[in-house]
Amino acid sequence: MNDLYIFIEALIRAYKAGGVVMLPILIAGAIGFYYLYSCWLRIGLDFFRKNVRQVVGQLRLDLSFVDGVHVAKPNEEMLEKAKKRLHSRSGIVARELHKALEVAMETPAAFEEYMQVRMIETLRYMQKGAHIVTVMAAAAPLLGLLGTVTGMVATFDVITLYGNQNPVLMADGISEALISTQSGLLVAFPLTLLKQRLDERIDLLSEQLQLGATIIEMKVASL
């Protein structure tokens, strides 16, 4: 408990020592992480599943094989089996492919148009707010740089008034410059890394959706 109290006190002192830019840096960090985790939660269980590719792989098998024998055209039993398997899985890929399979079975002629529109909507849904994360990740180090400038200006003001014989009076300005820069980098670094990971995950999900749609079109919509 004492360690936690000491840690909180150290954070408060650092916040006060960082100067006026600390509040904008914290706001930028809060906004960035809010939209970052919103995007991750919007993706859902596909974030945690390491076998997201297996959804599409299993769909291909369900539409291509019956009792271990390859078939050119899936029958009604195979289609229902594929639908049930997709419905039982969680995540955007399984949900969207389940809906796509239903459309392909009910109105094959409208499948291609449906998938073109749906892919755009799904990609936009997954990327909603992601650009704000990029903006906040870029703004945080710039705010830290602004704190560096204001801290050095304060230091030079002290030197102008009192000279450089008293380092104690200069310490506040130097501390403001260093802490604000450090804070900006501490916010920007994880935001940048996690945003890159988010982009990779969205690209992977988009690729799997396109692949699954292609399989459905070849096996079902073309019948």
C-alpha atoms as a PDB file:
ATOM      1  CA  MET A   1       0.000   0.000   0.000  1.00  0.00           C
ATOM      2  CA  ASN A   2       2.861   2.354   0.809  1.00  0.00           C
ATOM      3  CA  ASP A   3       4.466   1.596  -2.540  1.00  0.00           C
ATOM      4  CA  LEU A   4       1.252   2.523  -4.324  1.00  0.00           C
ATOM      5  CA  TYR A   5       1.015   5.756  -2.373  1.00  0.00           C
ATOM      6  CA  ILE A   6       4.623   6.622  -3.226  1.00  0.00           C
ATOM      7  CA  PHE A   7       3.991   5.835  -6.890  1.00  0.00           C
ATOM      8  CA  ILE A   8       0.914   8.080  -7.003  1.00  0.00           C
ATOM      9  CA  GLU A   9       2.790  10.882  -5.287  1.00  0.00           C
ATOM     10  CA  ALA A  10       5.603  10.552  -7.835  1.00  0.00           C
ATOM     11  CA  LEU A  11       3.099  10.797 -10.692  1.00  0.00           C
ATOM     12  CA  ILE A  12       1.526  13.902  -9.176  1.00  0.00           C
ATOM     13  CA  ARG A  13       4.926  15.547  -8.748  1.00  0.00           C
ATOM     14  CA  ALA A  14       5.870  14.670 -12.314  1.00  0.00           C
ATOM     15  CA  TYR A  15       2.594  16.093 -13.589  1.00  0.00           C
ATOM     16  CA  LYS A  16       3.152  19.372 -11.739  1.00  0.00           C
ATOM     17  CA  ALA A  17       6.788  19.571 -12.800  1.00  0.00           C
ATOM     18  CA  GLY A  18       5.906  18.989 -16.466  1.00  0.00           C
ATOM     19  CA  GLY A  19       4.201  22.339 -16.827  1.00  0.00           C
ATOM     20  CA  VAL A  20       1.146  23.458 -18.726  1.00  0.00           C
ATOM     21  CA  VAL A  21       1.500  20.963 -21.585  1.00  0.00           C
ATOM     22  CA  MET A  22       1.003  17.937 -19.334  1.00  0.00           C
ATOM     23  CA  LEU A  23      -2.779  18.289 -19.399  1.00  0.00           C
ATOM     24  CA  PRO A  24      -2.990  18.343 -23.236  1.00  0.00           C
ATOM     25  CA  ILE A  25      -0.623  15.356 -23.376  1.00  0.00           C
ATOM     26  CA  LEU A  26      -2.815  13.391 -20.981  1.00  0.00           C
ATOM     27  CA  ILE A  27      -5.949  14.363 -22.907  1.00  0.00           C
ATOM     28  CA  ALA A  28      -4.330  13.263 -26.172  1.00  0.00           C
ATOM     29  CA  GLY A  29      -3.362   9.963 -24.569  1.00  0.00           C
ATOM     30  CA  ALA A  30      -6.820   9.386 -23.111  1.00  0.00           C
ATOM     31  CA  ILE A  31      -8.520  10.078 -26.455  1.00  0.00           C
ATOM     32  CA  GLY A  32      -6.046   7.929 -28.355  1.00  0.00           C
ATOM     33  CA  PHE A  33      -6.340   4.915 -26.061  1.00  0.00           C
ATOM     34  CA  TYR A  34     -10.125   5.256 -25.914  1.00  0.00           C
ATOM     35  CA  TYR A  35     -10.500   4.978 -29.684  1.00  0.00           C
ATOM     36  CA  LEU A  36      -7.784   2.338 -29.871  1.00  0.00           C
ATOM     37  CA  TYR A  37      -9.525   0.000 -27.463  1.00  0.00           C
ATOM     38  CA  SER A  38     -12.881   0.831 -29.022  1.00  0.00           C
ATOM     39  CA  CYS A  39     -11.548  -0.503 -32.320  1.00  0.00           C
ATOM     40  CA  TRP A  40     -10.205  -3.639 -30.650  1.00  0.00           C
ATOM     41  CA  LEU A  41     -13.509  -4.270 -28.887  1.00  0.00           C
ATOM     42  CA  ARG A  42     -15.384  -3.646 -32.112  1.00  0.00           C
ATOM     43  CA  ILE A  43     -13.368  -6.392 -33.791  1.00  0.00           C
ATOM     44  CA  GLY A  44     -14.413  -8.622 -30.930  1.00  0.00           C
ATOM     45  CA  LEU A  45     -13.200 -12.153 -30.359  1.00  0.00           C
ATOM     46  CA  ASP A  46     -11.230 -12.090 -33.602  1.00  0.00           C
ATOM     47  CA  PHE A  47      -8.627 -10.192 -31.594  1.00  0.00           C
ATOM     48  CA  PHE A  48      -8.077 -13.140 -29.284  1.00  0.00           C
ATOM     49  CA  ARG A  49      -8.500 -15.999 -31.766  1.00  0.00           C
ATOM     50  CA  LYS A  50      -5.199 -17.174 -33.221  1.00  0.00           C
ATOM     51  CA  ASN A  51      -7.006 -19.499 -35.631  1.00  0.00           C
ATOM     52  CA  VAL A  52      -9.048 -16.901 -37.506  1.00  0.00           C
ATOM     53  CA  ARG A  53      -7.809 -18.405 -40.782  1.00  0.00           C
ATOM     54  CA  GLN A  54      -9.410 -21.691 -39.789  1.00  0.00           C
ATOM     55  CA  VAL A  55     -12.861 -20.149 -40.219  1.00  0.00           C
ATOM     56  CA  VAL A  56     -12.285 -19.721 -43.947  1.00  0.00           C
ATOM     57  CA  GLY A  57     -10.384 -22.988 -44.215  1.00  0.00           C
ATOM     58  CA  GLN A  58     -13.221 -24.917 -42.607  1.00  0.00           C
ATOM     59  CA  LEU A  59     -15.750 -23.172 -44.835  1.00  0.00           C
ATOM     60  CA  ARG A  60     -13.841 -24.319 -47.909  1.00  0.00           C
ATOM     61  CA  LEU A  61     -13.780 -27.877 -46.616  1.00  0.00           C
ATOM     62  CA  ASP A  62     -17.477 -27.844 -45.763  1.00  0.00           C
ATOM     63  CA  LEU A  63     -18.350 -26.698 -49.287  1.00  0.00           C
ATOM     64  CA  SER A  64     -15.886 -28.977 -51.077  1.00  0.00           C
ATOM     65  CA  PHE A  65     -15.948 -32.331 -49.284  1.00  0.00           C
ATOM     66  CA  VAL A  66     -18.647 -34.683 -48.109  1.00  0.00           C
ATOM     67  CA  ASP A  67     -17.570 -37.736 -46.114  1.00  0.00           C
ATOM     68  CA  GLY A  68     -14.003 -37.103 -47.192  1.00  0.00           C
ATOM     69  CA  VAL A  69     -14.856 -37.126 -50.907  1.00  0.00           C
ATOM     70  CA  HIS A  70     -14.292 -34.019 -53.037  1.00  0.00           C
ATOM     71  CA  VAL A  71     -17.408 -32.719 -54.774  1.00  0.00           C
ATOM     72  CA  ALA A  72     -17.710 -30.088 -57.477  1.00  0.00           C
ATOM     73  CA  LYS A  73     -21.016 -28.673 -56.264  1.00  0.00           C
ATOM     74  CA  PRO A  74     -22.160 -28.553 -52.636  1.00  0.00           C
ATOM     75  CA  ASN A  75     -25.556 -30.025 -51.845  1.00  0.00           C
ATOM     76  CA  GLU A  76     -28.189 -28.720 -49.428  1.00  0.00           C
ATOM     77  CA  GLU A  77     -26.824 -30.747 -46.530  1.00  0.00           C
ATOM     78  CA  MET A  78     -23.321 -29.320 -47.011  1.00  0.00           C
ATOM     79  CA  LEU A  79     -24.645 -25.777 -47.192  1.00  0.00           C
ATOM     80  CA  GLU A  80     -26.640 -26.158 -43.989  1.00  0.00           C
ATOM     81  CA  LYS A  81     -23.645 -27.693 -42.252  1.00  0.00           C
ATOM     82  CA  ALA A  82     -21.456 -24.768 -43.310  1.00  0.00           C
ATOM     83  CA  LYS A  83     -24.092 -22.277 -42.112  1.00  0.00           C
ATOM     84  CA  LYS A  84     -24.393 -23.935 -38.716  1.00  0.00           C
ATOM     85  CA  ARG A  85     -20.631 -24.055 -38.267  1.00  0.00           C
ATOM     86  CA  LEU A  86     -20.258 -20.372 -39.108  1.00  0.00           C
ATOM     87  CA  HIS A  87     -23.172 -19.483 -36.829  1.00  0.00           C
ATOM     88  CA  SER A  88     -21.543 -21.320 -33.927  1.00  0.00           C
ATOM     89  CA  ARG A  89     -18.327 -19.300 -34.228  1.00  0.00           C
ATOM     90  CA  SER A  90     -17.730 -15.823 -32.852  1.00  0.00           C
ATOM     91  CA  GLY A  91     -16.127 -12.840 -34.510  1.00  0.00           C
ATOM     92  CA  ILE A  92     -16.606 -10.597 -37.521  1.00  0.00           C
ATOM     93  CA  VAL A  93     -15.274 -13.072 -40.094  1.00  0.00           C
ATOM     94  CA  ALA A  94     -17.660 -15.875 -39.141  1.00  0.00           C
ATOM     95  CA  ARG A  95     -20.621 -13.496 -38.754  1.00  0.00           C
ATOM     96  CA  GLU A  96     -20.123 -11.815 -42.120  1.00  0.00           C
ATOM     97  CA  LEU A  97     -19.491 -15.079 -43.972  1.00  0.00           C
ATOM     98  CA  HIS A  98     -22.598 -16.592 -42.406  1.00  0.00           C
ATOM     99  CA  LYS A  99     -24.673 -13.705 -43.737  1.00  0.00           C
ATOM    100  CA  ALA A 100     -22.921 -13.897 -47.124  1.00  0.00           C
ATOM    101  CA  LEU A 101     -23.683 -17.613 -47.384  1.00  0.00           C
ATOM    102  CA  GLU A 102     -27.354 -16.945 -46.665  1.00  0.00           C
ATOM    103  CA  VAL A 103     -27.483 -14.282 -49.392  1.00  0.00           C
ATOM    104  CA  ALA A 104     -25.721 -16.579 -51.850  1.00  0.00           C
ATOM    105  CA  MET A 105     -28.227 -19.361 -51.192  1.00  0.00           C
ATOM    106  CA  GLU A 106     -31.326 -17.167 -51.347  1.00  0.00           C
ATOM    107  CA  THR A 107     -30.429 -14.672 -54.100  1.00  0.00           C
ATOM    108  CA  PRO A 108     -27.290 -15.817 -55.966  1.00  0.00           C
ATOM    109  CA  ALA A 109     -27.631 -13.108 -58.618  1.00  0.00           C
ATOM    110  CA  ALA A 110     -27.322 -10.346 -55.998  1.00  0.00           C
ATOM    111  CA  PHE A 111     -24.378 -11.900 -54.169  1.00  0.00           C
ATOM    112  CA  GLU A 112     -21.562 -10.040 -55.933  1.00  0.00           C
ATOM    113  CA  GLU A 113     -23.200  -6.652 -55.468  1.00  0.00           C
ATOM    114  CA  TYR A 114     -23.995  -7.492 -51.853  1.00  0.00           C
ATOM    115  CA  MET A 115     -20.393  -8.430 -51.071  1.00  0.00           C
ATOM    116  CA  GLN A 116     -18.969  -5.320 -52.725  1.00  0.00           C
ATOM    117  CA  VAL A 117     -21.142  -3.075 -50.567  1.00  0.00           C
ATOM    118  CA  ARG A 118     -20.798  -5.212 -47.459  1.00  0.00           C
ATOM    119  CA  MET A 119     -16.991  -5.348 -47.621  1.00  0.00           C
ATOM    120  CA  ILE A 120     -16.799  -1.559 -47.737  1.00  0.00           C
ATOM    121  CA  GLU A 121     -19.215  -1.229 -44.822  1.00  0.00           C
ATOM    122  CA  THR A 122     -17.405  -3.862 -42.744  1.00  0.00           C
ATOM    123  CA  LEU A 123     -13.984  -2.331 -43.366  1.00  0.00           C
ATOM    124  CA  ARG A 124     -15.316   1.097 -42.444  1.00  0.00           C
ATOM    125  CA  TYR A 125     -16.871  -0.393 -39.312  1.00  0.00           C
ATOM    126  CA  MET A 126     -13.575  -1.964 -38.218  1.00  0.00           C
ATOM    127  CA  GLN A 127     -11.585   1.204 -38.945  1.00  0.00           C
ATOM    128  CA  LYS A 128     -14.012   3.592 -37.253  1.00  0.00           C
ATOM    129  CA  GLY A 129     -12.028   5.969 -35.045  1.00  0.00           C
ATOM    130  CA  ALA A 130      -8.644   4.500 -36.041  1.00  0.00           C
ATOM    131  CA  HIS A 131      -7.554   7.730 -37.723  1.00  0.00           C
ATOM    132  CA  ILE A 132      -8.038   9.560 -34.421  1.00  0.00           C
ATOM    133  CA  VAL A 133      -5.529   7.198 -32.809  1.00  0.00           C
ATOM    134  CA  THR A 134      -3.005   8.139 -35.492  1.00  0.00           C
ATOM    135  CA  VAL A 135      -3.616  11.835 -34.905  1.00  0.00           C
ATOM    136  CA  MET A 136      -3.201  11.528 -31.122  1.00  0.00           C
ATOM    137  CA  ALA A 137      -0.040   9.425 -31.508  1.00  0.00           C
ATOM    138  CA  ALA A 138       1.428  12.180 -33.691  1.00  0.00           C
ATOM    139  CA  ALA A 139       0.202  15.013 -31.453  1.00  0.00           C
ATOM    140  CA  ALA A 140       1.623  13.669 -28.177  1.00  0.00           C
ATOM    141  CA  PRO A 141       5.359  14.020 -29.031  1.00  0.00           C
ATOM    142  CA  LEU A 142       4.687  17.417 -30.600  1.00  0.00           C
ATOM    143  CA  LEU A 143       3.098  18.554 -27.352  1.00  0.00           C
ATOM    144  CA  GLY A 144       6.121  17.151 -25.536  1.00  0.00           C
ATOM    145  CA  LEU A 145       8.357  19.186 -27.827  1.00  0.00           C
ATOM    146  CA  LEU A 146       6.294  22.261 -27.014  1.00  0.00           C
ATOM    147  CA  GLY A 147       6.902  21.523 -23.338  1.00  0.00           C
ATOM    148  CA  THR A 148      10.618  21.336 -24.064  1.00  0.00           C
ATOM    149  CA  VAL A 149      10.519  24.792 -25.615  1.00  0.00           C
ATOM    150  CA  THR A 150       8.499  26.327 -22.786  1.00  0.00           C
ATOM    151  CA  GLY A 151      10.793  24.722 -20.209  1.00  0.00           C
ATOM    152  CA  MET A 152      13.910  26.070 -21.882  1.00  0.00           C
ATOM    153  CA  VAL A 153      12.321  29.520 -22.204  1.00  0.00           C
ATOM    154  CA  ALA A 154      11.618  29.445 -18.457  1.00  0.00           C
ATOM    155  CA  THR A 155      15.220  28.413 -17.814  1.00  0.00           C
ATOM    156  CA  PHE A 156      16.610  31.261 -19.892  1.00  0.00           C
ATOM    157  CA  ASP A 157      14.311  33.698 -18.134  1.00  0.00           C
ATOM    158  CA  VAL A 158      15.793  32.600 -14.803  1.00  0.00           C
ATOM    159  CA  ILE A 159      19.309  32.969 -16.197  1.00  0.00           C
ATOM    160  CA  THR A 160      18.475  36.453 -17.436  1.00  0.00           C
ATOM    161  CA  LEU A 161      17.190  37.523 -14.028  1.00  0.00           C
ATOM    162  CA  TYR A 162      19.580  35.736 -11.685  1.00  0.00           C
ATOM    163  CA  GLY A 163      22.483  34.517 -13.809  1.00  0.00           C
ATOM    164  CA  ASN A 164      23.698  30.924 -13.838  1.00  0.00           C
ATOM    165  CA  GLN A 165      25.190  30.833 -10.378  1.00  0.00           C
ATOM    166  CA  ASN A 166      22.143  29.238  -8.753  1.00  0.00           C
ATOM    167  CA  PRO A 167      21.294  25.879 -10.358  1.00  0.00           C
ATOM    168  CA  VAL A 168      18.312  25.403  -8.023  1.00  0.00           C
ATOM    169  CA  LEU A 169      16.414  28.208  -9.740  1.00  0.00           C
ATOM    170  CA  MET A 170      17.214  26.707 -13.144  1.00  0.00           C
ATOM    171  CA  ALA A 171      16.087  23.216 -12.179  1.00  0.00           C
ATOM    172  CA  ASP A 172      12.362  23.905 -12.583  1.00  0.00           C
ATOM    173  CA  GLY A 173      12.662  24.934 -16.216  1.00  0.00           C
ATOM    174  CA  ILE A 174      14.960  22.026 -17.107  1.00  0.00           C
ATOM    175  CA  SER A 175      12.679  19.610 -15.287  1.00  0.00           C
ATOM    176  CA  GLU A 176       9.674  20.920 -17.198  1.00  0.00           C
ATOM    177  CA  ALA A 177      11.493  20.485 -20.506  1.00  0.00           C
ATOM    178  CA  LEU A 178      12.589  16.904 -19.807  1.00  0.00           C
ATOM    179  CA  ILE A 179       9.416  15.607 -18.168  1.00  0.00           C
ATOM    180  CA  SER A 180       7.084  16.992 -20.825  1.00  0.00           C
ATOM    181  CA  THR A 181       9.212  15.461 -23.579  1.00  0.00           C
ATOM    182  CA  GLN A 182       9.316  12.146 -21.761  1.00  0.00           C
ATOM    183  CA  SER A 183       5.551  12.171 -21.209  1.00  0.00           C
ATOM    184  CA  GLY A 184       4.818  12.876 -24.853  1.00  0.00           C
ATOM    185  CA  LEU A 185       7.002   9.973 -25.952  1.00  0.00           C
ATOM    186  CA  LEU A 186       5.513   7.640 -23.343  1.00  0.00           C
ATOM    187  CA  VAL A 187       2.055   8.340 -24.751  1.00  0.00           C
ATOM    188  CA  ALA A 188       3.020   8.213 -28.422  1.00  0.00           C
ATOM    189  CA  PHE A 189       5.138   5.036 -28.307  1.00  0.00           C
ATOM    190  CA  PRO A 190       2.473   2.524 -27.183  1.00  0.00           C
ATOM    191  CA  LEU A 191      -0.197   4.230 -29.286  1.00  0.00           C
ATOM    192  CA  THR A 192       1.946   3.871 -32.401  1.00  0.00           C
ATOM    193  CA  LEU A 193       2.799   0.225 -31.734  1.00  0.00           C
ATOM    194  CA  LEU A 194      -0.773  -0.802 -30.888  1.00  0.00           C
ATOM    195  CA  LYS A 195      -2.174   1.114 -33.860  1.00  0.00           C
ATOM    196  CA  GLN A 196       0.206  -0.753 -36.149  1.00  0.00           C
ATOM    197  CA  ARG A 197      -0.933  -4.050 -34.630  1.00  0.00           C
ATOM    198  CA  LEU A 198      -4.556  -2.991 -35.122  1.00  0.00           C
ATOM    199  CA  ASP A 199      -3.952  -2.180 -38.788  1.00  0.00           C
ATOM    200  CA  GLU A 200      -2.346  -5.584 -39.321  1.00  0.00           C
ATOM    201  CA  ARG A 201      -5.304  -7.321 -37.692  1.00  0.00           C
ATOM    202  CA  ILE A 202      -7.822  -5.370 -39.791  1.00  0.00           C
ATOM    203  CA  ASP A 203      -5.879  -6.225 -42.957  1.00  0.00           C
ATOM    204  CA  LEU A 204      -5.890  -9.898 -41.967  1.00  0.00           C
ATOM    205  CA  LEU A 205      -9.625  -9.911 -41.316  1.00  0.00           C
ATOM    206  CA  SER A 206     -10.310  -8.129 -44.607  1.00  0.00           C
ATOM    207  CA  GLU A 207      -8.211 -10.671 -46.500  1.00  0.00           C
ATOM    208  CA  GLN A 208     -10.033 -13.568 -44.860  1.00  0.00           C
ATOM    209  CA  LEU A 209     -13.416 -12.013 -45.615  1.00  0.00           C
ATOM    210  CA  GLN A 210     -12.489 -11.543 -49.266  1.00  0.00           C
ATOM    211  CA  LEU A 211     -11.178 -15.097 -49.468  1.00  0.00           C
ATOM    212  CA  GLY A 212     -14.317 -16.487 -47.841  1.00  0.00           C
ATOM    213  CA  ALA A 213     -16.525 -14.473 -50.191  1.00  0.00           C
ATOM    214  CA  THR A 214     -14.580 -15.808 -53.172  1.00  0.00           C
ATOM    215  CA  ILE A 215     -15.075 -19.390 -51.969  1.00  0.00           C
ATOM    216  CA  ILE A 216     -18.807 -18.820 -51.514  1.00  0.00           C
ATOM    217  CA  GLU A 217     -19.106 -17.228 -54.933  1.00  0.00           C
ATOM    218  CA  MET A 218     -17.276 -20.090 -56.609  1.00  0.00           C
ATOM    219  CA  LYS A 219     -19.134 -22.850 -54.770  1.00  0.00           C
ATOM    220  CA  VAL A 220     -22.609 -21.449 -54.227  1.00  0.00           C
ATOM    221  CA  ALA A 221     -23.413 -18.219 -56.045  1.00  0.00           C
ATOM    222  CA  SER A 222     -22.280 -19.633 -59.393  1.00  0.00           C
ATOM    223  CA  LEU A 223     -24.627 -22.636 -59.200  1.00  0.00           C
END
